[in-house]
Amino acid sequence: MIWKPHVTVAAVIERNGKFLMVEELADGQVIYNQPAGHLEEGESLAAAVIREVQEETAWEFIPEAITGIYHWCKPGAGETFVRFCFTGTLAAHAPTQPLDAGIIAAPWLSHDELLALPAARLRSPMVRKCLADYLSGQRYSMDIIHAIDIP
């Protein structure tokens, strides 16, 4: 068997002191995550995060910086995730757009509301780490990504 990590993207998006989150049903439980998902074949990381935010929240996202790159092994699952987390701004909203399957809502939550959530209600420990890095001011230029022969 060939080992393959899951390459994912996520976005920390703040507006008026609240963060755009995704409330979703996964493995029979309601959990919270940043708008996030898997990189698809032939897709750049920036295109992937733009698509995922749109599909999961109905917001148009403009990535402006990277807050970090995260490596996490899911306990007991034998799965490894490499997450590229972006931050940026929002443009148009399409409130009548259906959200991805499994998405319940795209709520705005304060930092305190997110901290109050038990760890079991978060998709992974990366949710809190991405938020903490964002709040600490961690930002890296989008220029650190070099997509060779990918639009």
Protein backbone atom coordinates (compact mmCIF):
# COMPACT_ATOMS: atom_id res chain seq x y z
CA MET A 1 0.00 0.00 0.00
CA ILE A 2 1.26 3.47 -0.89
CA TRP A 3 1.06 6.09 1.86
CA LYS A 4 -0.48 9.37 0.71
CA PRO A 5 -1.11 12.37 2.95
CA HIS A 6 -4.28 14.40 2.49
CA VAL A 7 -3.44 17.88 1.20
CA THR A 8 -6.03 20.35 2.44
CA VAL A 9 -6.65 24.08 2.45
CA ALA A 10 -8.47 26.24 4.99
CA ALA A 11 -9.32 29.90 5.52
CA VAL A 12 -9.39 32.01 8.67
CA ILE A 13 -11.75 34.86 7.84
CA GLU A 14 -12.50 37.58 10.38
CA ARG A 15 -15.15 40.28 10.20
CA ASN A 16 -16.19 42.58 13.05
CA GLY A 17 -14.44 40.39 15.62
CA LYS A 18 -16.12 37.19 14.48
CA PHE A 19 -14.83 34.30 12.40
CA LEU A 20 -16.58 32.59 9.51
CA MET A 21 -16.91 28.93 10.42
CA VAL A 22 -18.54 25.86 8.98
CA GLU A 23 -20.94 23.77 11.04
CA GLU A 24 -21.03 20.33 9.49
CA LEU A 25 -22.11 16.76 10.03
CA ALA A 26 -19.16 14.34 10.02
CA ASP A 27 -19.16 10.78 11.28
CA GLY A 28 -22.61 11.34 12.76
CA GLN A 29 -21.54 14.34 14.83
CA VAL A 30 -22.05 18.09 14.43
CA ILE A 31 -18.62 19.71 14.38
CA TYR A 32 -17.01 23.05 13.53
CA ASN A 33 -14.19 23.85 11.15
CA GLN A 34 -12.83 26.75 9.20
CA PRO A 35 -14.03 26.64 5.60
CA ALA A 36 -11.71 23.90 4.36
CA GLY A 37 -11.31 20.96 2.05
CA HIS A 38 -9.09 18.86 -0.14
CA LEU A 39 -6.87 20.01 -2.96
CA GLU A 40 -8.18 18.59 -6.24
CA GLU A 41 -6.10 17.30 -9.12
CA GLY A 42 -4.71 20.07 -11.32
CA GLU A 43 -5.78 22.79 -8.88
CA SER A 44 -3.54 25.43 -7.29
CA LEU A 45 -3.67 25.90 -3.53
CA ALA A 46 -5.14 29.39 -3.96
CA ALA A 47 -7.82 28.12 -6.35
CA ALA A 48 -8.64 25.31 -3.91
CA VAL A 49 -9.24 27.63 -0.95
CA ILE A 50 -11.32 30.00 -3.08
CA ARG A 51 -13.47 27.07 -4.26
CA GLU A 52 -13.84 25.53 -0.80
CA VAL A 53 -14.92 28.80 0.84
CA GLN A 54 -17.49 29.34 -1.94
CA GLU A 55 -18.85 25.78 -1.77
CA GLU A 56 -19.08 25.68 2.03
CA THR A 57 -20.16 29.24 2.88
CA ALA A 58 -21.49 30.87 -0.34
CA TRP A 59 -18.92 33.66 0.09
CA GLU A 60 -16.38 34.72 -2.52
CA PHE A 61 -12.95 34.62 -0.84
CA ILE A 62 -9.84 36.54 -1.85
CA PRO A 63 -6.74 34.93 -0.29
CA GLU A 64 -4.11 37.49 0.74
CA ALA A 65 -1.68 35.65 3.03
CA ILE A 66 -0.82 32.28 4.52
CA THR A 67 -1.08 31.93 8.30
CA GLY A 68 0.70 28.60 8.39
CA ILE A 69 1.25 25.09 7.08
CA TYR A 70 0.17 22.32 9.43
CA HIS A 71 0.94 18.59 9.63
CA TRP A 72 -1.40 16.38 11.68
CA CYS A 73 -1.81 12.62 12.03
CA LYS A 74 -5.36 11.64 12.99
CA PRO A 75 -5.11 9.29 15.97
CA GLY A 76 -6.30 5.75 15.29
CA ALA A 77 -7.17 6.49 11.67
CA GLY A 78 -3.81 6.11 9.98
CA GLU A 79 -4.46 9.35 8.09
CA THR A 80 -2.06 12.25 7.75
CA PHE A 81 -3.16 15.77 6.81
CA VAL A 82 -1.08 18.66 5.49
CA ARG A 83 -3.12 21.88 5.74
CA PHE A 84 -2.31 25.18 4.06
CA CYS A 85 -4.20 27.87 5.94
CA PHE A 86 -4.93 31.22 4.30
CA THR A 87 -6.43 34.49 5.41
CA GLY A 88 -7.93 37.21 3.27
CA THR A 89 -11.08 39.15 2.56
CA LEU A 90 -14.58 38.41 1.37
CA ALA A 91 -16.32 39.83 -1.68
CA ALA A 92 -19.76 38.82 -2.93
CA HIS A 93 -22.15 36.62 -0.98
CA ALA A 94 -24.70 34.32 -2.64
CA PRO A 95 -27.13 33.60 0.24
CA THR A 96 -29.42 31.42 -1.87
CA GLN A 97 -26.58 29.15 -3.02
CA PRO A 98 -26.92 25.61 -1.66
CA LEU A 99 -23.97 24.64 0.52
CA ASP A 100 -21.92 21.45 0.12
CA ALA A 101 -23.43 18.17 1.27
CA GLY A 102 -23.00 17.75 5.01
CA ILE A 103 -22.76 21.49 5.68
CA ILE A 104 -25.44 22.62 8.14
CA ALA A 105 -24.59 26.34 8.28
CA ALA A 106 -21.81 28.90 7.95
CA PRO A 107 -22.03 30.82 11.24
CA TRP A 108 -19.92 33.74 12.44
CA LEU A 109 -18.45 32.96 15.87
CA SER A 110 -16.43 35.10 18.25
CA HIS A 111 -13.05 33.99 19.57
CA ASP A 112 -14.65 33.33 22.96
CA GLU A 113 -17.39 31.21 21.40
CA LEU A 114 -14.76 29.15 19.55
CA LEU A 115 -12.67 28.69 22.70
CA ALA A 116 -15.78 27.55 24.58
CA LEU A 117 -16.33 24.66 22.15
CA PRO A 118 -15.04 21.34 23.45
CA ALA A 119 -12.16 19.89 21.41
CA ALA A 120 -14.45 17.03 20.36
CA ARG A 121 -16.70 19.56 18.57
CA LEU A 122 -13.82 20.71 16.33
CA ARG A 123 -12.88 18.94 13.11
CA SER A 124 -9.27 18.66 14.27
CA PRO A 125 -6.73 20.37 16.55
CA MET A 126 -5.70 22.37 13.48
CA VAL A 127 -8.83 24.54 13.88
CA ARG A 128 -7.59 26.11 17.12
CA LYS A 129 -3.95 26.24 15.97
CA CYS A 130 -4.85 28.08 12.74
CA LEU A 131 -6.93 30.57 14.73
CA ALA A 132 -4.17 31.09 17.31
CA ASP A 133 -1.58 31.72 14.60
CA TYR A 134 -3.91 34.17 12.86
CA LEU A 135 -4.58 36.04 16.11
CA SER A 136 -0.85 36.22 16.87
CA GLY A 137 -0.39 38.08 13.58
CA GLN A 138 1.36 35.27 11.76
CA ARG A 139 1.24 36.02 8.01
CA TYR A 140 3.36 34.75 5.14
CA SER A 141 3.37 36.11 1.63
CA MET A 142 1.44 34.21 -1.01
CA ASP A 143 4.70 34.39 -2.97
CA ILE A 144 6.06 31.45 -0.98
CA ILE A 145 3.81 29.19 -3.07
CA HIS A 146 5.27 28.23 -6.40
CA ALA A 147 2.78 26.40 -8.62
CA ILE A 148 4.75 24.93 -11.49
CA ASP A 149 2.53 24.37 -14.56
CA ILE A 150 -0.68 24.75 -12.53
CA PRO A 151 -3.06 27.63 -13.32
